[in-house]
Amino acid sequence: MKRITMIMAALLVISLGVCAQTNKSKNKVLVAYFSATGVTRGVATQLAEVTKGTLHEIKPAQAYTEADLDWRDKQSRSTLEMQDKSSRPAITDKLPNIKNYNVIYVGFPIWWYTCPTIINTFMESYDFKGKTVIPFATSGSSGIEKACKDLKAAYPNINWKEGKLLNHASKKDIGNWVKTLSN
């Protein structure tokens, strides 16, 4: 009986060790997003569910009003920020533990064919060394290609994976895209 108990205990210890190693190798995912109107938030929420990632909103210190987002107004806040390449709108709710994540999805709406300047604020607020960063976006009419190109040019030392425009994407569509990234 003692011998069986010892064997069972040894098997339990080995099993726990294997489980611990499996968990260590598993990617810890962060889904960080900026959403001015809620569209990108919806996609980010689904992406966090699919990846079992932590959801984090990139919040501007000063919220955007409807007038701020009027792209037809040459003096609107968003227009002025996008015209100034050095613009870095302040953000709140900084992540104290970004070092714990090794895969980071960064989501945003497309503004003027690229990402809003608040995304640059986010990218410059953390150390992404050794992390995989994957952009995703929503847009009324533009693609994500220029945004991806701009991000790669601005932050060449980051391990970027190809981004995707996720307009009207279902959870299944998002899951299929996530699967392609691990291949």
Protein backbone atom coordinates (compact mmCIF):
# COMPACT_ATOMS: atom_id res chain seq x y z
CA MET A 1 0.00 0.00 0.00
CA LYS A 2 2.86 2.32 0.87
CA ARG A 3 4.45 1.59 -2.47
CA ILE A 4 1.25 2.43 -4.41
CA THR A 5 0.88 5.66 -2.43
CA MET A 6 4.50 6.59 -3.24
CA ILE A 7 3.99 5.84 -6.95
CA MET A 8 0.78 7.87 -7.01
CA ALA A 9 2.52 10.78 -5.27
CA ALA A 10 5.39 10.63 -7.77
CA LEU A 11 2.97 10.62 -10.71
CA LEU A 12 1.13 13.59 -9.21
CA VAL A 13 4.37 15.55 -8.85
CA ILE A 14 5.37 14.75 -12.45
CA SER A 15 1.91 15.76 -13.72
CA LEU A 16 2.04 19.05 -11.86
CA GLY A 17 5.49 19.75 -13.28
CA VAL A 18 4.28 19.12 -16.84
CA CYS A 19 1.27 21.40 -16.28
CA ALA A 20 3.50 24.14 -14.90
CA GLN A 21 5.81 23.92 -17.91
CA THR A 22 2.83 24.05 -20.29
CA ASN A 23 1.50 27.17 -18.58
CA LYS A 24 4.91 28.84 -18.71
CA SER A 25 5.17 28.40 -22.46
CA LYS A 26 1.64 29.67 -23.06
CA ASN A 27 1.42 33.20 -24.42
CA LYS A 28 0.01 35.80 -22.07
CA VAL A 29 -2.07 38.12 -24.25
CA LEU A 30 -2.97 41.78 -23.85
CA VAL A 31 -5.59 43.42 -26.05
CA ALA A 32 -5.03 47.18 -25.79
CA TYR A 33 -7.30 49.45 -27.77
CA PHE A 34 -8.34 53.04 -28.32
CA SER A 35 -11.95 53.59 -29.33
CA ALA A 36 -13.39 57.06 -29.90
CA THR A 37 -16.97 55.96 -30.65
CA GLY A 38 -17.19 52.37 -29.35
CA VAL A 39 -16.74 50.49 -32.64
CA THR A 40 -13.16 49.42 -31.94
CA ARG A 41 -14.11 48.60 -28.34
CA GLY A 42 -16.59 46.01 -29.62
CA VAL A 43 -13.99 44.28 -31.76
CA ALA A 44 -11.39 44.45 -28.99
CA THR A 45 -13.80 42.82 -26.55
CA GLN A 46 -14.38 39.91 -28.95
CA LEU A 47 -10.64 39.59 -29.59
CA ALA A 48 -9.94 39.43 -25.84
CA GLU A 49 -12.57 36.68 -25.51
CA VAL A 50 -11.10 34.68 -28.40
CA THR A 51 -7.51 35.00 -27.17
CA LYS A 52 -8.42 34.75 -23.48
CA GLY A 53 -6.43 37.97 -23.20
CA THR A 54 -6.61 40.86 -20.82
CA LEU A 55 -8.59 43.81 -22.19
CA HIS A 56 -7.12 47.29 -21.67
CA GLU A 57 -8.58 50.55 -22.95
CA ILE A 58 -6.11 53.23 -24.04
CA LYS A 59 -7.96 56.20 -22.53
CA PRO A 60 -7.19 59.78 -23.47
CA ALA A 61 -6.69 62.07 -20.47
CA GLN A 62 -9.13 64.41 -22.18
CA ALA A 63 -12.03 62.51 -23.74
CA TYR A 64 -12.85 63.21 -27.38
CA THR A 65 -16.12 65.02 -27.99
CA GLU A 66 -18.22 64.74 -31.13
CA ALA A 67 -16.83 68.14 -32.22
CA ASP A 68 -13.26 66.89 -31.60
CA LEU A 69 -13.89 64.01 -34.00
CA ASP A 70 -15.34 66.11 -36.85
CA TRP A 71 -12.81 65.32 -39.59
CA ARG A 72 -14.44 67.91 -41.88
CA ASP A 73 -13.52 70.72 -39.46
CA LYS A 74 -9.93 71.78 -40.15
CA GLN A 75 -9.67 73.08 -36.58
CA SER A 76 -11.10 70.04 -34.79
CA ARG A 77 -8.90 68.39 -32.20
CA SER A 78 -8.51 65.17 -34.21
CA THR A 79 -7.60 67.07 -37.38
CA LEU A 80 -5.00 69.16 -35.59
CA GLU A 81 -3.49 66.11 -33.85
CA MET A 82 -3.25 64.18 -37.09
CA GLN A 83 -1.58 67.11 -38.88
CA ASP A 84 1.08 67.34 -36.16
CA LYS A 85 3.30 64.24 -36.39
CA SER A 86 4.75 65.01 -32.95
CA SER A 87 1.33 65.09 -31.28
CA ARG A 88 1.13 62.72 -28.32
CA PRO A 89 -2.22 63.04 -26.54
CA ALA A 90 -1.91 62.16 -22.85
CA ILE A 91 -3.32 58.83 -21.72
CA THR A 92 -4.61 57.60 -18.37
CA ASP A 93 -4.81 54.14 -16.79
CA LYS A 94 -1.25 53.12 -17.48
CA LEU A 95 -0.47 49.41 -17.24
CA PRO A 96 1.91 48.64 -14.38
CA ASN A 97 2.50 45.06 -15.56
CA ILE A 98 3.02 45.15 -19.33
CA LYS A 99 6.19 43.11 -18.79
CA ASN A 100 3.92 40.15 -17.97
CA TYR A 101 2.53 40.00 -21.52
CA ASN A 102 4.37 38.59 -24.52
CA VAL A 103 1.68 39.07 -27.20
CA ILE A 104 0.06 42.48 -27.46
CA TYR A 105 -2.75 43.35 -29.84
CA VAL A 106 -3.08 47.10 -30.38
CA GLY A 107 -6.41 48.30 -31.75
CA PHE A 108 -7.59 51.62 -33.07
CA PRO A 109 -9.89 53.31 -35.57
CA ILE A 110 -8.23 54.46 -38.79
CA TRP A 111 -7.89 58.25 -38.87
CA TRP A 112 -6.52 59.92 -41.99
CA TYR A 113 -5.42 56.52 -43.39
CA THR A 114 -3.33 55.66 -40.31
CA CYS A 115 -3.55 55.19 -36.55
CA PRO A 116 -4.51 58.09 -34.26
CA THR A 117 -1.56 59.81 -32.59
CA ILE A 118 -2.71 58.52 -29.19
CA ILE A 119 -1.44 55.12 -30.35
CA ASN A 120 2.05 56.64 -30.58
CA THR A 121 1.62 57.80 -26.97
CA PHE A 122 0.82 54.22 -25.99
CA MET A 123 3.71 52.73 -28.00
CA GLU A 124 6.18 55.18 -26.46
CA SER A 125 4.93 54.58 -22.90
CA TYR A 126 6.17 50.98 -22.63
CA ASP A 127 9.08 48.71 -23.45
CA PHE A 128 8.02 46.22 -26.14
CA LYS A 129 11.38 44.44 -26.32
CA GLY A 130 10.85 40.69 -26.76
CA LYS A 131 7.11 41.07 -27.33
CA THR A 132 5.03 40.35 -30.41
CA VAL A 133 2.77 43.27 -31.32
CA ILE A 134 -0.19 42.86 -33.64
CA PRO A 135 -2.23 45.84 -34.83
CA PHE A 136 -5.94 45.65 -35.62
CA ALA A 137 -8.29 48.39 -36.69
CA THR A 138 -11.76 49.47 -37.67
CA SER A 139 -12.54 51.98 -40.37
CA GLY A 140 -15.39 53.56 -42.26
CA SER A 141 -13.57 53.34 -45.59
CA SER A 142 -9.77 53.04 -45.27
CA GLY A 143 -7.56 49.97 -45.07
CA ILE A 144 -5.02 49.19 -42.35
CA GLU A 145 -1.98 48.89 -44.64
CA LYS A 146 -0.68 52.45 -44.21
CA ALA A 147 -1.17 52.31 -40.44
CA CYS A 148 0.87 49.09 -40.25
CA LYS A 149 3.59 50.57 -42.45
CA ASP A 150 3.71 53.75 -40.34
CA LEU A 151 3.91 51.80 -37.07
CA LYS A 152 6.71 49.56 -38.37
CA ALA A 153 8.64 52.61 -39.58
CA ALA A 154 8.19 54.51 -36.30
CA TYR A 155 9.02 51.52 -34.09
CA PRO A 156 11.37 49.28 -36.12
CA ASN A 157 12.73 47.38 -33.11
CA ILE A 158 9.37 45.84 -32.29
CA ASN A 159 8.48 42.33 -33.45
CA TRP A 160 5.39 43.21 -35.54
CA LYS A 161 2.97 40.70 -37.00
CA GLU A 162 0.74 41.69 -39.89
CA GLY A 163 -2.31 43.63 -38.78
CA LYS A 164 -5.89 43.25 -39.89
CA LEU A 165 -8.91 45.45 -40.47
CA LEU A 166 -11.73 43.88 -38.45
CA ASN A 167 -14.81 45.78 -39.63
CA HIS A 168 -17.97 43.82 -38.87
CA ALA A 169 -15.86 40.77 -37.95
CA SER A 170 -17.65 37.96 -36.15
CA LYS A 171 -16.07 36.11 -33.26
CA LYS A 172 -15.47 33.21 -35.68
CA ASP A 173 -13.70 35.54 -38.16
CA ILE A 174 -11.53 36.89 -35.37
CA GLY A 175 -10.74 33.35 -34.17
CA ASN A 176 -9.72 32.30 -37.67
CA TRP A 177 -7.43 35.34 -37.98
CA VAL A 178 -5.82 34.64 -34.58
CA LYS A 179 -5.15 31.04 -35.67
CA THR A 180 -3.30 32.27 -38.79
CA LEU A 181 -0.98 34.34 -36.61
CA SER A 182 0.28 31.32 -34.69
CA ASN A 183 1.25 29.43 -37.87
